[in-house]
Amino acid sequence: MTYTVHLSFEAENDLRDIFAYIAFQLHAPETARQQVNRLLKMILSLDEMPFRFRRFDPQKEEHSDLRIVTVDKYCVLYVPNEQQKTVTIVRVMYGGRNLSAYFGDSAE
């Protein structure tokens, strides 16, 4: 059974920001397009077997459903829902960030 993949508003903005940074700050529009395409390819592949990637932080109850997969230097954080057969992409972030600090007590 396939899952329906949804991008949160924040994840959509993350992808736009990644593209803009690479294309305009680094002056590499073709590289930006390729990077976003690789990210989208992984995101769309989550419609099949979304539980195949590890939990983000299995030690914290509030993160029990949050999963993470890396694509190059970026992390895709998502929540699969088996009952509804959906996958929600929560954020797409640079992997060099302290993600544990970012998803501290304020994570939903």
PDB file of N, CA and C in Angstrom:
ATOM      1  N   MET A   1       0.846  -1.175   0.000  1.00  0.00           N
ATOM      2  CA  MET A   1       0.000   0.000   0.000  1.00  0.00           C
ATOM      3  C   MET A   1       0.888   1.234   0.000  1.00  0.00           C
ATOM      4  N   THR A   2       0.540   2.200  -0.807  1.00  0.00           N
ATOM      5  CA  THR A   2       1.323   3.428  -0.850  1.00  0.00           C
ATOM      6  C   THR A   2       0.735   4.481   0.086  1.00  0.00           C
ATOM      7  N   TYR A   3       1.595   5.357   0.514  1.00  0.00           N
ATOM      8  CA  TYR A   3       1.237   6.449   1.415  1.00  0.00           C
ATOM      9  C   TYR A   3       1.156   7.747   0.609  1.00  0.00           C
ATOM     10  N   THR A   4       0.373   8.679   1.095  1.00  0.00           N
ATOM     11  CA  THR A   4       0.300  10.003   0.500  1.00  0.00           C
ATOM     12  C   THR A   4       1.301  10.898   1.227  1.00  0.00           C
ATOM     13  N   VAL A   5       2.142  11.581   0.465  1.00  0.00           N
ATOM     14  CA  VAL A   5       3.182  12.429   1.041  1.00  0.00           C
ATOM     15  C   VAL A   5       2.726  13.886   0.997  1.00  0.00           C
ATOM     16  N   HIS A   6       2.798  14.547   2.153  1.00  0.00           N
ATOM     17  CA  HIS A   6       2.432  15.969   2.277  1.00  0.00           C
ATOM     18  C   HIS A   6       3.641  16.754   2.758  1.00  0.00           C
ATOM     19  N   LEU A   7       3.829  17.929   2.195  1.00  0.00           N
ATOM     20  CA  LEU A   7       4.873  18.837   2.684  1.00  0.00           C
ATOM     21  C   LEU A   7       4.227  19.879   3.573  1.00  0.00           C
ATOM     22  N   SER A   8       4.786  20.067   4.756  1.00  0.00           N
ATOM     23  CA  SER A   8       4.299  21.138   5.622  1.00  0.00           C
ATOM     24  C   SER A   8       4.695  22.474   4.996  1.00  0.00           C
ATOM     25  N   PHE A   9       4.060  23.524   5.459  1.00  0.00           N
ATOM     26  CA  PHE A   9       4.398  24.879   5.009  1.00  0.00           C
ATOM     27  C   PHE A   9       5.881  25.153   5.251  1.00  0.00           C
ATOM     28  N   GLU A  10       6.374  24.748   6.418  1.00  0.00           N
ATOM     29  CA  GLU A  10       7.789  24.958   6.767  1.00  0.00           C
ATOM     30  C   GLU A  10       8.710  24.193   5.825  1.00  0.00           C
ATOM     31  N   ALA A  11       8.347  22.963   5.479  1.00  0.00           N
ATOM     32  CA  ALA A  11       9.180  22.161   4.572  1.00  0.00           C
ATOM     33  C   ALA A  11       9.219  22.778   3.178  1.00  0.00           C
ATOM     34  N   GLU A  12       8.086  23.295   2.712  1.00  0.00           N
ATOM     35  CA  GLU A  12       8.071  23.979   1.415  1.00  0.00           C
ATOM     36  C   GLU A  12       9.001  25.186   1.445  1.00  0.00           C
ATOM     37  N   ASN A  13       8.930  25.963   2.521  1.00  0.00           N
ATOM     38  CA  ASN A  13       9.820  27.118   2.659  1.00  0.00           C
ATOM     39  C   ASN A  13      11.277  26.688   2.743  1.00  0.00           C
ATOM     40  N   ASP A  14      11.535  25.586   3.442  1.00  0.00           N
ATOM     41  CA  ASP A  14      12.909  25.085   3.541  1.00  0.00           C
ATOM     42  C   ASP A  14      13.473  24.784   2.152  1.00  0.00           C
ATOM     43  N   LEU A  15      12.685  24.112   1.317  1.00  0.00           N
ATOM     44  CA  LEU A  15      13.155  23.779  -0.030  1.00  0.00           C
ATOM     45  C   LEU A  15      13.415  25.043  -0.852  1.00  0.00           C
ATOM     46  N   ARG A  16      12.532  26.027  -0.730  1.00  0.00           N
ATOM     47  CA  ARG A  16      12.745  27.301  -1.433  1.00  0.00           C
ATOM     48  C   ARG A  16      14.024  27.989  -0.947  1.00  0.00           C
ATOM     49  N   ASP A  17      14.221  27.970   0.377  1.00  0.00           N
ATOM     50  CA  ASP A  17      15.409  28.608   0.954  1.00  0.00           C
ATOM     51  C   ASP A  17      16.697  27.905   0.525  1.00  0.00           C
ATOM     52  N   ILE A  18      16.655  26.589   0.468  1.00  0.00           N
ATOM     53  CA  ILE A  18      17.827  25.827   0.025  1.00  0.00           C
ATOM     54  C   ILE A  18      18.159  26.194  -1.416  1.00  0.00           C
ATOM     55  N   PHE A  19      17.133  26.214  -2.259  1.00  0.00           N
ATOM     56  CA  PHE A  19      17.356  26.585  -3.657  1.00  0.00           C
ATOM     57  C   PHE A  19      17.930  27.997  -3.754  1.00  0.00           C
ATOM     58  N   ALA A  20      17.308  28.940  -3.062  1.00  0.00           N
ATOM     59  CA  ALA A  20      17.737  30.344  -3.139  1.00  0.00           C
ATOM     60  C   ALA A  20      19.169  30.513  -2.650  1.00  0.00           C
ATOM     61  N   TYR A  21      19.511  29.849  -1.557  1.00  0.00           N
ATOM     62  CA  TYR A  21      20.862  29.975  -1.016  1.00  0.00           C
ATOM     63  C   TYR A  21      21.901  29.483  -2.027  1.00  0.00           C
ATOM     64  N   ILE A  22      21.677  28.293  -2.560  1.00  0.00           N
ATOM     65  CA  ILE A  22      22.656  27.723  -3.493  1.00  0.00           C
ATOM     66  C   ILE A  22      22.686  28.523  -4.800  1.00  0.00           C
ATOM     67  N   ALA A  23      21.513  28.877  -5.307  1.00  0.00           N
ATOM     68  CA  ALA A  23      21.441  29.564  -6.593  1.00  0.00           C
ATOM     69  C   ALA A  23      21.971  30.986  -6.527  1.00  0.00           C
ATOM     70  N   PHE A  24      21.602  31.726  -5.487  1.00  0.00           N
ATOM     71  CA  PHE A  24      21.911  33.153  -5.456  1.00  0.00           C
ATOM     72  C   PHE A  24      23.106  33.521  -4.570  1.00  0.00           C
ATOM     73  N   GLN A  25      23.219  32.891  -3.416  1.00  0.00           N
ATOM     74  CA  GLN A  25      24.366  33.188  -2.550  1.00  0.00           C
ATOM     75  C   GLN A  25      25.645  32.520  -3.073  1.00  0.00           C
ATOM     76  N   LEU A  26      25.492  31.276  -3.531  1.00  0.00           N
ATOM     77  CA  LEU A  26      26.658  30.547  -4.040  1.00  0.00           C
ATOM     78  C   LEU A  26      26.814  30.677  -5.558  1.00  0.00           C
ATOM     79  N   HIS A  27      25.859  31.356  -6.197  1.00  0.00           N
ATOM     80  CA  HIS A  27      25.893  31.596  -7.647  1.00  0.00           C
ATOM     81  C   HIS A  27      25.978  30.288  -8.439  1.00  0.00           C
ATOM     82  N   ALA A  28      25.158  29.316  -8.040  1.00  0.00           N
ATOM     83  CA  ALA A  28      25.175  28.007  -8.699  1.00  0.00           C
ATOM     84  C   ALA A  28      23.737  27.523  -8.938  1.00  0.00           C
ATOM     85  N   PRO A  29      23.006  28.155  -9.859  1.00  0.00           N
ATOM     86  CA  PRO A  29      21.610  27.789 -10.060  1.00  0.00           C
ATOM     87  C   PRO A  29      21.402  26.345 -10.525  1.00  0.00           C
ATOM     88  N   GLU A  30      22.298  25.829 -11.336  1.00  0.00           N
ATOM     89  CA  GLU A  30      22.142  24.439 -11.790  1.00  0.00           C
ATOM     90  C   GLU A  30      22.347  23.467 -10.624  1.00  0.00           C
ATOM     91  N   THR A  31      23.318  23.749  -9.778  1.00  0.00           N
ATOM     92  CA  THR A  31      23.547  22.929  -8.592  1.00  0.00           C
ATOM     93  C   THR A  31      22.344  23.008  -7.664  1.00  0.00           C
ATOM     94  N   ALA A  32      21.755  24.184  -7.532  1.00  0.00           N
ATOM     95  CA  ALA A  32      20.568  24.357  -6.691  1.00  0.00           C
ATOM     96  C   ALA A  32      19.419  23.489  -7.210  1.00  0.00           C
ATOM     97  N   ARG A  33      19.213  23.516  -8.517  1.00  0.00           N
ATOM     98  CA  ARG A  33      18.142  22.713  -9.115  1.00  0.00           C
ATOM     99  C   ARG A  33      18.387  21.224  -8.868  1.00  0.00           C
ATOM    100  N   GLN A  34      19.618  20.786  -9.063  1.00  0.00           N
ATOM    101  CA  GLN A  34      19.948  19.377  -8.865  1.00  0.00           C
ATOM    102  C   GLN A  34      19.767  18.962  -7.403  1.00  0.00           C
ATOM    103  N   GLN A  35      20.182  19.832  -6.472  1.00  0.00           N
ATOM    104  CA  GLN A  35      20.047  19.509  -5.045  1.00  0.00           C
ATOM    105  C   GLN A  35      18.580  19.376  -4.655  1.00  0.00           C
ATOM    106  N   VAL A  36      17.774  20.325  -5.052  1.00  0.00           N
ATOM    107  CA  VAL A  36      16.347  20.265  -4.713  1.00  0.00           C
ATOM    108  C   VAL A  36      15.705  19.057  -5.372  1.00  0.00           C
ATOM    109  N   ASN A  37      16.105  18.722  -6.595  1.00  0.00           N
ATOM    110  CA  ASN A  37      15.568  17.528  -7.253  1.00  0.00           C
ATOM    111  C   ASN A  37      15.920  16.255  -6.492  1.00  0.00           C
ATOM    112  N   ARG A  38      17.150  16.165  -5.968  1.00  0.00           N
ATOM    113  CA  ARG A  38      17.536  14.988  -5.177  1.00  0.00           C
ATOM    114  C   ARG A  38      16.708  14.908  -3.893  1.00  0.00           C
ATOM    115  N   LEU A  39      16.503  16.055  -3.257  1.00  0.00           N
ATOM    116  CA  LEU A  39      15.675  16.082  -2.047  1.00  0.00           C
ATOM    117  C   LEU A  39      14.243  15.650  -2.352  1.00  0.00           C
ATOM    118  N   LEU A  40      13.677  16.192  -3.419  1.00  0.00           N
ATOM    119  CA  LEU A  40      12.297  15.836  -3.786  1.00  0.00           C
ATOM    120  C   LEU A  40      12.170  14.367  -4.171  1.00  0.00           C
ATOM    121  N   LYS A  41      13.186  13.833  -4.827  1.00  0.00           N
ATOM    122  CA  LYS A  41      13.154  12.411  -5.184  1.00  0.00           C
ATOM    123  C   LYS A  41      13.067  11.544  -3.927  1.00  0.00           C
ATOM    124  N   MET A  42      13.879  11.876  -2.916  1.00  0.00           N
ATOM    125  CA  MET A  42      13.827  11.125  -1.655  1.00  0.00           C
ATOM    126  C   MET A  42      12.480  11.320  -0.973  1.00  0.00           C
ATOM    127  N   ILE A  43      12.015  12.562  -0.917  1.00  0.00           N
ATOM    128  CA  ILE A  43      10.738  12.857  -0.262  1.00  0.00           C
ATOM    129  C   ILE A  43       9.619  12.056  -0.911  1.00  0.00           C
ATOM    130  N   LEU A  44       9.560  12.063  -2.232  1.00  0.00           N
ATOM    131  CA  LEU A  44       8.491  11.342  -2.928  1.00  0.00           C
ATOM    132  C   LEU A  44       8.623   9.827  -2.772  1.00  0.00           C
ATOM    133  N   SER A  45       9.852   9.334  -2.551  1.00  0.00           N
ATOM    134  CA  SER A  45      10.042   7.888  -2.366  1.00  0.00           C
ATOM    135  C   SER A  45       9.473   7.405  -1.034  1.00  0.00           C
ATOM    136  N   LEU A  46       9.172   8.337  -0.133  1.00  0.00           N
ATOM    137  CA  LEU A  46       8.615   7.955   1.163  1.00  0.00           C
ATOM    138  C   LEU A  46       7.179   7.445   1.052  1.00  0.00           C
ATOM    139  N   ASP A  47       6.612   7.486  -0.150  1.00  0.00           N
ATOM    140  CA  ASP A  47       5.277   6.914  -0.337  1.00  0.00           C
ATOM    141  C   ASP A  47       5.304   5.388  -0.233  1.00  0.00           C
ATOM    142  N   GLU A  48       6.484   4.815  -0.321  1.00  0.00           N
ATOM    143  CA  GLU A  48       6.668   3.373  -0.163  1.00  0.00           C
ATOM    144  C   GLU A  48       7.576   3.132   1.047  1.00  0.00           C
ATOM    145  N   MET A  49       7.165   2.314   1.946  1.00  0.00           N
ATOM    146  CA  MET A  49       7.946   1.917   3.118  1.00  0.00           C
ATOM    147  C   MET A  49       8.519   3.109   3.898  1.00  0.00           C
ATOM    148  N   PRO A  50       7.689   4.028   4.360  1.00  0.00           N
ATOM    149  CA  PRO A  50       8.203   5.205   5.059  1.00  0.00           C
ATOM    150  C   PRO A  50       8.833   4.905   6.418  1.00  0.00           C
ATOM    151  N   PHE A  51       8.635   3.703   6.919  1.00  0.00           N
ATOM    152  CA  PHE A  51       9.209   3.353   8.226  1.00  0.00           C
ATOM    153  C   PHE A  51      10.625   2.786   8.096  1.00  0.00           C
ATOM    154  N   ARG A  52      11.178   2.790   6.897  1.00  0.00           N
ATOM    155  CA  ARG A  52      12.495   2.190   6.674  1.00  0.00           C
ATOM    156  C   ARG A  52      13.656   3.009   7.235  1.00  0.00           C
ATOM    157  N   PHE A  53      13.425   4.268   7.540  1.00  0.00           N
ATOM    158  CA  PHE A  53      14.488   5.109   8.093  1.00  0.00           C
ATOM    159  C   PHE A  53      14.326   5.237   9.596  1.00  0.00           C
ATOM    160  N   ARG A  54      15.418   5.589  10.244  1.00  0.00           N
ATOM    161  CA  ARG A  54      15.456   5.575  11.708  1.00  0.00           C
ATOM    162  C   ARG A  54      14.608   6.690  12.325  1.00  0.00           C
ATOM    163  N   ARG A  55      14.251   6.452  13.581  1.00  0.00           N
ATOM    164  CA  ARG A  55      13.576   7.483  14.367  1.00  0.00           C
ATOM    165  C   ARG A  55      14.577   8.585  14.674  1.00  0.00           C
ATOM    166  N   PHE A  56      14.079   9.815  14.742  1.00  0.00           N
ATOM    167  CA  PHE A  56      14.957  10.957  15.016  1.00  0.00           C
ATOM    168  C   PHE A  56      15.574  10.852  16.395  1.00  0.00           C
ATOM    169  N   ASP A  57      14.765  10.690  17.409  1.00  0.00           N
ATOM    170  CA  ASP A  57      15.257  10.586  18.781  1.00  0.00           C
ATOM    171  C   ASP A  57      14.326   9.658  19.552  1.00  0.00           C
ATOM    172  N   PRO A  58      14.581   8.355  19.469  1.00  0.00           N
ATOM    173  CA  PRO A  58      13.669   7.406  20.116  1.00  0.00           C
ATOM    174  C   PRO A  58      13.626   7.526  21.630  1.00  0.00           C
ATOM    175  N   GLN A  59      14.584   8.248  22.219  1.00  0.00           N
ATOM    176  CA  GLN A  59      14.604   8.398  23.669  1.00  0.00           C
ATOM    177  C   GLN A  59      13.587   9.412  24.170  1.00  0.00           C
ATOM    178  N   LYS A  60      13.156  10.311  23.304  1.00  0.00           N
ATOM    179  CA  LYS A  60      12.219  11.353  23.716  1.00  0.00           C
ATOM    180  C   LYS A  60      10.816  11.018  23.229  1.00  0.00           C
ATOM    181  N   GLU A  61       9.892  10.980  24.140  1.00  0.00           N
ATOM    182  CA  GLU A  61       8.508  10.628  23.818  1.00  0.00           C
ATOM    183  C   GLU A  61       7.912  11.560  22.770  1.00  0.00           C
ATOM    184  N   GLU A  62       8.212  12.868  22.869  1.00  0.00           N
ATOM    185  CA  GLU A  62       7.617  13.818  21.925  1.00  0.00           C
ATOM    186  C   GLU A  62       8.140  13.645  20.501  1.00  0.00           C
ATOM    187  N   HIS A  63       9.240  12.894  20.344  1.00  0.00           N
ATOM    188  CA  HIS A  63       9.798  12.635  19.014  1.00  0.00           C
ATOM    189  C   HIS A  63       9.555  11.197  18.569  1.00  0.00           C
ATOM    190  N   SER A  64       8.702  10.472  19.227  1.00  0.00           N
ATOM    191  CA  SER A  64       8.576   9.039  18.969  1.00  0.00           C
ATOM    192  C   SER A  64       8.162   8.712  17.537  1.00  0.00           C
ATOM    193  N   ASP A  65       7.425   9.602  16.869  1.00  0.00           N
ATOM    194  CA  ASP A  65       6.994   9.342  15.496  1.00  0.00           C
ATOM    195  C   ASP A  65       7.882  10.020  14.458  1.00  0.00           C
ATOM    196  N   LEU A  66       8.733  10.944  14.873  1.00  0.00           N
ATOM    197  CA  LEU A  66       9.558  11.715  13.956  1.00  0.00           C
ATOM    198  C   LEU A  66      10.704  10.858  13.442  1.00  0.00           C
ATOM    199  N   ARG A  67      10.855  10.827  12.127  1.00  0.00           N
ATOM    200  CA  ARG A  67      11.922  10.048  11.499  1.00  0.00           C
ATOM    201  C   ARG A  67      12.816  10.973  10.688  1.00  0.00           C
ATOM    202  N   ILE A  68      14.003  10.460  10.359  1.00  0.00           N
ATOM    203  CA  ILE A  68      14.984  11.289   9.660  1.00  0.00           C
ATOM    204  C   ILE A  68      15.683  10.473   8.575  1.00  0.00           C
ATOM    205  N   VAL A  69      15.922  11.141   7.453  1.00  0.00           N
ATOM    206  CA  VAL A  69      16.712  10.549   6.372  1.00  0.00           C
ATOM    207  C   VAL A  69      17.608  11.656   5.830  1.00  0.00           C
ATOM    208  N   THR A  70      18.843  11.310   5.511  1.00  0.00           N
ATOM    209  CA  THR A  70      19.768  12.309   4.985  1.00  0.00           C
ATOM    210  C   THR A  70      19.867  12.197   3.472  1.00  0.00           C
ATOM    211  N   VAL A  71      20.020  13.364   2.858  1.00  0.00           N
ATOM    212  CA  VAL A  71      20.250  13.476   1.425  1.00  0.00           C
ATOM    213  C   VAL A  71      21.391  14.470   1.268  1.00  0.00           C
ATOM    214  N   ASP A  72      22.540  13.970   0.867  1.00  0.00           N
ATOM    215  CA  ASP A  72      23.734  14.802   0.775  1.00  0.00           C
ATOM    216  C   ASP A  72      23.979  15.457   2.133  1.00  0.00           C
ATOM    217  N   LYS A  73      23.987  16.784   2.203  1.00  0.00           N
ATOM    218  CA  LYS A  73      24.249  17.473   3.473  1.00  0.00           C
ATOM    219  C   LYS A  73      22.968  17.923   4.165  1.00  0.00           C
ATOM    220  N   TYR A  74      21.833  17.414   3.732  1.00  0.00           N
ATOM    221  CA  TYR A  74      20.541  17.849   4.276  1.00  0.00           C
ATOM    222  C   TYR A  74      19.821  16.694   4.948  1.00  0.00           C
ATOM    223  N   CYS A  75      18.955  17.040   5.886  1.00  0.00           N
ATOM    224  CA  CYS A  75      18.139  16.060   6.596  1.00  0.00           C
ATOM    225  C   CYS A  75      16.667  16.339   6.318  1.00  0.00           C
ATOM    226  N   VAL A  76      15.955  15.291   6.002  1.00  0.00           N
ATOM    227  CA  VAL A  76      14.509  15.372   5.828  1.00  0.00           C
ATOM    228  C   VAL A  76      13.896  14.763   7.083  1.00  0.00           C
ATOM    229  N   LEU A  77      13.115  15.568   7.801  1.00  0.00           N
ATOM    230  CA  LEU A  77      12.441  15.092   9.011  1.00  0.00           C
ATOM    231  C   LEU A  77      10.967  14.926   8.689  1.00  0.00           C
ATOM    232  N   TYR A  78      10.426  13.763   9.023  1.00  0.00           N
ATOM    233  CA  TYR A  78       9.059  13.459   8.618  1.00  0.00           C
ATOM    234  C   TYR A  78       8.358  12.570   9.635  1.00  0.00           C
ATOM    235  N   VAL A  79       7.025  12.551   9.524  1.00  0.00           N
ATOM    236  CA  VAL A  79       6.201  11.734  10.412  1.00  0.00           C
ATOM    237  C   VAL A  79       5.290  10.851   9.555  1.00  0.00           C
ATOM    238  N   PRO A  80       5.515   9.540   9.593  1.00  0.00           N
ATOM    239  CA  PRO A  80       4.592   8.636   8.899  1.00  0.00           C
ATOM    240  C   PRO A  80       3.410   8.299   9.803  1.00  0.00           C
ATOM    241  N   ASN A  81       2.246   8.145   9.199  1.00  0.00           N
ATOM    242  CA  ASN A  81       1.047   7.779   9.951  1.00  0.00           C
ATOM    243  C   ASN A  81       0.460   6.529   9.295  1.00  0.00           C
ATOM    244  N   GLU A  82       0.614   5.420   9.986  1.00  0.00           N
ATOM    245  CA  GLU A  82       0.189   4.137   9.415  1.00  0.00           C
ATOM    246  C   GLU A  82      -1.329   4.048   9.249  1.00  0.00           C
ATOM    247  N   GLN A  83      -2.079   4.565  10.207  1.00  0.00           N
ATOM    248  CA  GLN A  83      -3.536   4.485  10.142  1.00  0.00           C
ATOM    249  C   GLN A  83      -4.093   5.291   8.967  1.00  0.00           C
ATOM    250  N   GLN A  84      -3.572   6.506   8.767  1.00  0.00           N
ATOM    251  CA  GLN A  84      -4.076   7.369   7.695  1.00  0.00           C
ATOM    252  C   GLN A  84      -3.344   7.165   6.375  1.00  0.00           C
ATOM    253  N   LYS A  85      -2.284   6.369   6.397  1.00  0.00           N
ATOM    254  CA  LYS A  85      -1.459   6.112   5.210  1.00  0.00           C
ATOM    255  C   LYS A  85      -0.925   7.416   4.625  1.00  0.00           C
ATOM    256  N   THR A  86      -0.384   8.266   5.518  1.00  0.00           N
ATOM    257  CA  THR A  86       0.193   9.540   5.095  1.00  0.00           C
ATOM    258  C   THR A  86       1.609   9.679   5.638  1.00  0.00           C
ATOM    259  N   VAL A  87       2.361  10.532   4.980  1.00  0.00           N
ATOM    260  CA  VAL A  87       3.688  10.926   5.438  1.00  0.00           C
ATOM    261  C   VAL A  87       3.708  12.449   5.384  1.00  0.00           C
ATOM    262  N   THR A  88       4.001  13.076   6.515  1.00  0.00           N
ATOM    263  CA  THR A  88       4.096  14.528   6.563  1.00  0.00           C
ATOM    264  C   THR A  88       5.557  14.922   6.685  1.00  0.00           C
ATOM    265  N   ILE A  89       6.035  15.677   5.711  1.00  0.00           N
ATOM    266  CA  ILE A  89       7.399  16.187   5.759  1.00  0.00           C
ATOM    267  C   ILE A  89       7.366  17.416   6.656  1.00  0.00           C
ATOM    268  N   VAL A  90       8.058  17.338   7.783  1.00  0.00           N
ATOM    269  CA  VAL A  90       8.022  18.393   8.786  1.00  0.00           C
ATOM    270  C   VAL A  90       9.003  19.503   8.432  1.00  0.00           C
ATOM    271  N   ARG A  91      10.258  19.140   8.176  1.00  0.00           N
ATOM    272  CA  ARG A  91      11.299  20.120   7.856  1.00  0.00           C
ATOM    273  C   ARG A  91      12.323  19.471   6.930  1.00  0.00           C
ATOM    274  N   VAL A  92      13.038  20.311   6.178  1.00  0.00           N
ATOM    275  CA  VAL A  92      14.201  19.908   5.396  1.00  0.00           C
ATOM    276  C   VAL A  92      15.292  20.881   5.814  1.00  0.00           C
ATOM    277  N   MET A  93      16.325  20.364   6.487  1.00  0.00           N
ATOM    278  CA  MET A  93      17.303  21.245   7.124  1.00  0.00           C
ATOM    279  C   MET A  93      18.727  20.814   6.812  1.00  0.00           C
ATOM    280  N   TYR A  94      19.628  21.775   6.882  1.00  0.00           N
ATOM    281  CA  TYR A  94      21.048  21.495   6.729  1.00  0.00           C
ATOM    282  C   TYR A  94      21.493  20.570   7.860  1.00  0.00           C
ATOM    283  N   GLY A  95      22.165  19.513   7.512  1.00  0.00           N
ATOM    284  CA  GLY A  95      22.563  18.511   8.490  1.00  0.00           C
ATOM    285  C   GLY A  95      23.605  18.973   9.487  1.00  0.00           C
ATOM    286  N   GLY A  96      24.281  20.085   9.215  1.00  0.00           N
ATOM    287  CA  GLY A  96      25.283  20.601  10.137  1.00  0.00           C
ATOM    288  C   GLY A  96      24.695  21.324  11.338  1.00  0.00           C
ATOM    289  N   ARG A  97      23.385  21.554  11.313  1.00  0.00           N
ATOM    290  CA  ARG A  97      22.732  22.211  12.454  1.00  0.00           C
ATOM    291  C   ARG A  97      22.600  21.225  13.605  1.00  0.00           C
ATOM    292  N   ASN A  98      22.483  21.754  14.789  1.00  0.00           N
ATOM    293  CA  ASN A  98      22.221  20.924  15.954  1.00  0.00           C
ATOM    294  C   ASN A  98      20.712  20.648  15.968  1.00  0.00           C
ATOM    295  N   LEU A  99      20.315  19.579  15.330  1.00  0.00           N
ATOM    296  CA  LEU A  99      18.896  19.287  15.183  1.00  0.00           C
ATOM    297  C   LEU A  99      18.237  18.971  16.519  1.00  0.00           C
ATOM    298  N   SER A 100      18.958  18.346  17.423  1.00  0.00           N
ATOM    299  CA  SER A 100      18.394  18.048  18.741  1.00  0.00           C
ATOM    300  C   SER A 100      18.039  19.326  19.489  1.00  0.00           C
ATOM    301  N   ALA A 101      18.897  20.338  19.369  1.00  0.00           N
ATOM    302  CA  ALA A 101      18.604  21.612  20.014  1.00  0.00           C
ATOM    303  C   ALA A 101      17.420  22.291  19.325  1.00  0.00           C
ATOM    304  N   TYR A 102      17.362  22.183  18.004  1.00  0.00           N
ATOM    305  CA  TYR A 102      16.278  22.809  17.258  1.00  0.00           C
ATOM    306  C   TYR A 102      14.934  22.185  17.605  1.00  0.00           C
ATOM    307  N   PHE A 103      14.915  20.868  17.745  1.00  0.00           N
ATOM    308  CA  PHE A 103      13.685  20.161  18.085  1.00  0.00           C
ATOM    309  C   PHE A 103      13.626  19.872  19.576  1.00  0.00           C
ATOM    310  N   GLY A 104      13.934  20.874  20.369  1.00  0.00           N
ATOM    311  CA  GLY A 104      13.898  20.742  21.825  1.00  0.00           C
ATOM    312  C   GLY A 104      12.485  20.651  22.325  1.00  0.00           C
ATOM    313  N   ASP A 105      12.223  21.222  23.481  1.00  0.00           N
ATOM    314  CA  ASP A 105      10.909  21.130  24.126  1.00  0.00           C
ATOM    315  C   ASP A 105       9.794  21.728  23.317  1.00  0.00           C
ATOM    316  N   SER A 106      10.092  22.578  22.317  1.00  0.00           N
ATOM    317  CA  SER A 106       9.044  23.218  21.544  1.00  0.00           C
ATOM    318  C   SER A 106       8.530  22.362  20.401  1.00  0.00           C
ATOM    319  N   ALA A 107       9.132  21.185  20.146  1.00  0.00           N
ATOM    320  CA  ALA A 107       8.671  20.325  19.046  1.00  0.00           C
ATOM    321  C   ALA A 107       7.291  19.782  19.359  1.00  0.00           C
ATOM    322  N   GLU A 108       6.498  19.692  18.306  1.00  0.00           N
ATOM    323  CA  GLU A 108       5.119  19.178  18.498  1.00  0.00           C
ATOM    324  C   GLU A 108       5.030  17.741  18.061  1.00  0.00           C
TER     325      GLU A 108
END
